[in-house]
C-alpha atoms as a PDB file:
ATOM      1  CA  MET A   1       7.326  10.258   1.059  1.00  0.00           C
ATOM      2  CA  ASN A   2       9.227   7.007   1.014  1.00  0.00           C
ATOM      3  CA  ARG A   3       6.581   5.443   3.301  1.00  0.00           C
ATOM      4  CA  LEU A   4       3.908   5.925   0.774  1.00  0.00           C
ATOM      5  CA  PHE A   5       5.415   3.205  -1.405  1.00  0.00           C
ATOM      6  CA  VAL A   6       7.797   1.299   0.876  1.00  0.00           C
ATOM      7  CA  THR A   7       6.913   0.195   4.468  1.00  0.00           C
ATOM      8  CA  ARG A   8       8.603  -1.867   7.124  1.00  0.00           C
ATOM      9  CA  THR A   9       7.280  -5.364   8.217  1.00  0.00           C
ATOM     10  CA  ASP A  10       7.129  -6.526  11.652  1.00  0.00           C
ATOM     11  CA  SER A  11      10.517  -8.239  11.259  1.00  0.00           C
ATOM     12  CA  GLY A  12      12.103  -4.993  10.161  1.00  0.00           C
ATOM     13  CA  HIS A  13      12.376  -5.760   6.492  1.00  0.00           C
ATOM     14  CA  GLU A  14      11.066  -3.318   3.846  1.00  0.00           C
ATOM     15  CA  ARG A  15       8.424  -4.222   1.287  1.00  0.00           C
ATOM     16  CA  PHE A  16       5.969  -2.477  -1.015  1.00  0.00           C
ATOM     17  CA  ASN A  17       3.131  -0.824   0.856  1.00  0.00           C
ATOM     18  CA  TYR A  18       0.192  -2.731  -0.555  1.00  0.00           C
ATOM     19  CA  SER A  19      -2.330  -1.375   1.874  1.00  0.00           C
ATOM     20  CA  GLU A  20      -1.729   2.191   0.882  1.00  0.00           C
ATOM     21  CA  SER A  21      -1.880   1.521  -2.829  1.00  0.00           C
ATOM     22  CA  ILE A  22      -4.802  -0.918  -2.932  1.00  0.00           C
ATOM     23  CA  GLY A  23      -6.750   1.178  -0.432  1.00  0.00           C
ATOM     24  CA  ASN A  24      -6.382   4.390  -2.483  1.00  0.00           C
ATOM     25  CA  ALA A  25      -7.165   2.597  -5.635  1.00  0.00           C
ATOM     26  CA  ALA A  26     -10.231   1.138  -4.188  1.00  0.00           C
ATOM     27  CA  ALA A  27     -11.214   4.600  -2.868  1.00  0.00           C
ATOM     28  CA  ALA A  28     -10.656   6.105  -6.326  1.00  0.00           C
ATOM     29  CA  ALA A  29     -12.811   3.363  -8.004  1.00  0.00           C
ATOM     30  CA  ILE A  30     -15.592   3.745  -5.450  1.00  0.00           C
ATOM     31  CA  SER A  31     -15.623   7.622  -5.777  1.00  0.00           C
ATOM     32  CA  ASN A  32     -15.975   6.993  -9.521  1.00  0.00           C
ATOM     33  CA  ILE A  33     -19.422   5.494  -8.952  1.00  0.00           C
ATOM     34  CA  TYR A  34     -20.886   8.948  -8.179  1.00  0.00           C
ATOM     35  CA  HIS A  35     -20.020  10.254 -11.756  1.00  0.00           C
ATOM     36  CA  VAL A  36     -22.093   9.926 -14.633  1.00  0.00           C
ATOM     37  CA  PRO A  37     -21.272   6.895 -16.853  1.00  0.00           C
ATOM     38  CA  ALA A  38     -19.594   9.125 -19.545  1.00  0.00           C
ATOM     39  CA  ASP A  39     -17.147  10.430 -16.842  1.00  0.00           C
ATOM     40  CA  ARG A  40     -16.157   7.074 -15.509  1.00  0.00           C
ATOM     41  CA  THR A  41     -12.899   6.877 -17.213  1.00  0.00           C
ATOM     42  CA  ALA A  42      -9.496   5.268 -16.522  1.00  0.00           C
ATOM     43  CA  SER A  43      -7.913   8.588 -16.596  1.00  0.00           C
ATOM     44  CA  ARG A  44     -10.337  10.051 -13.945  1.00  0.00           C
ATOM     45  CA  ASN A  45      -9.518   6.985 -11.798  1.00  0.00           C
ATOM     46  CA  ALA A  46      -5.798   7.514 -12.288  1.00  0.00           C
ATOM     47  CA  THR A  47      -6.059  11.160 -11.476  1.00  0.00           C
ATOM     48  CA  THR A  48      -8.065  10.571  -8.346  1.00  0.00           C
ATOM     49  CA  PHE A  49      -5.645   7.758  -7.315  1.00  0.00           C
ATOM     50  CA  ALA A  50      -2.674  10.153  -7.794  1.00  0.00           C
ATOM     51  CA  PHE A  51      -4.423  12.944  -5.861  1.00  0.00           C
ATOM     52  CA  LEU A  52      -5.058  10.551  -2.937  1.00  0.00           C
ATOM     53  CA  ILE A  53      -1.362   9.450  -2.872  1.00  0.00           C
ATOM     54  CA  LEU A  54      -0.321  13.136  -2.884  1.00  0.00           C
ATOM     55  CA  TYR A  55      -2.852  14.054  -0.110  1.00  0.00           C
ATOM     56  CA  ASP A  56      -1.486  11.241   1.985  1.00  0.00           C
ATOM     57  CA  GLY A  57       2.090  12.357   1.533  1.00  0.00           C
ATOM     58  CA  LEU A  58       1.262  15.948   2.431  1.00  0.00           C
ATOM     59  CA  ALA A  59      -0.670  14.716   5.520  1.00  0.00           C
ATOM     60  CA  ASN A  60       2.261  12.595   6.633  1.00  0.00           C
ATOM     61  CA  GLY A  61       4.612  15.535   6.127  1.00  0.00           C
ATOM     62  CA  LEU A  62       2.345  17.809   8.181  1.00  0.00           C
ATOM     63  CA  LYS A  63       2.142  15.239  10.971  1.00  0.00           C
ATOM     64  CA  GLU A  64       5.911  14.866  11.009  1.00  0.00           C
ATOM     65  CA  PHE A  65       6.863  18.441  11.025  1.00  0.00           C
ATOM     66  CA  TRP A  66       3.751  20.073  12.923  1.00  0.00           C
ATOM     67  CA  PRO A  67       5.558  20.512  16.266  1.00  0.00           C
ATOM     68  CA  ASP A  68       8.388  22.372  14.504  1.00  0.00           C
ATOM     69  CA  ILE A  69       5.946  24.585  12.613  1.00  0.00           C
ATOM     70  CA  ARG A  70       3.897  25.320  15.685  1.00  0.00           C
ATOM     71  CA  ARG A  71       7.024  26.342  17.648  1.00  0.00           C
ATOM     72  CA  LYS A  72       8.504  28.561  14.887  1.00  0.00           C
ATOM     73  CA  VAL A  73       5.322  30.196  13.476  1.00  0.00           C
ATOM     74  CA  PHE A  74       3.071  30.480  16.612  1.00  0.00           C
ATOM     75  CA  HIS A  75       5.929  30.706  19.078  1.00  0.00           C
ATOM     76  CA  LYS A  76       4.327  28.081  21.297  1.00  0.00           C
ATOM     77  CA  ASN A  77       6.198  25.260  23.005  1.00  0.00           C
ATOM     78  CA  THR A  78       4.813  21.745  22.789  1.00  0.00           C
ATOM     79  CA  PRO A  79       3.437  20.491  25.952  1.00  0.00           C
END
């Protein structure tokens, strides 16, 4: 979850993950275009932004732990 907000630079230092935040904010704003003007609110944008951050966090966790889940649940060894 930490990598959603903090990332490492090429030199190994940590900094705020601008690309994740700005990219998700832009995606939320663009998706707002498809709603009728009465529904284009800041709270809808904030909710969409939060959902995108949550979705990315869950996807990152699944990518990280999928080999363990596959081995334990499906009783298959990774190649």
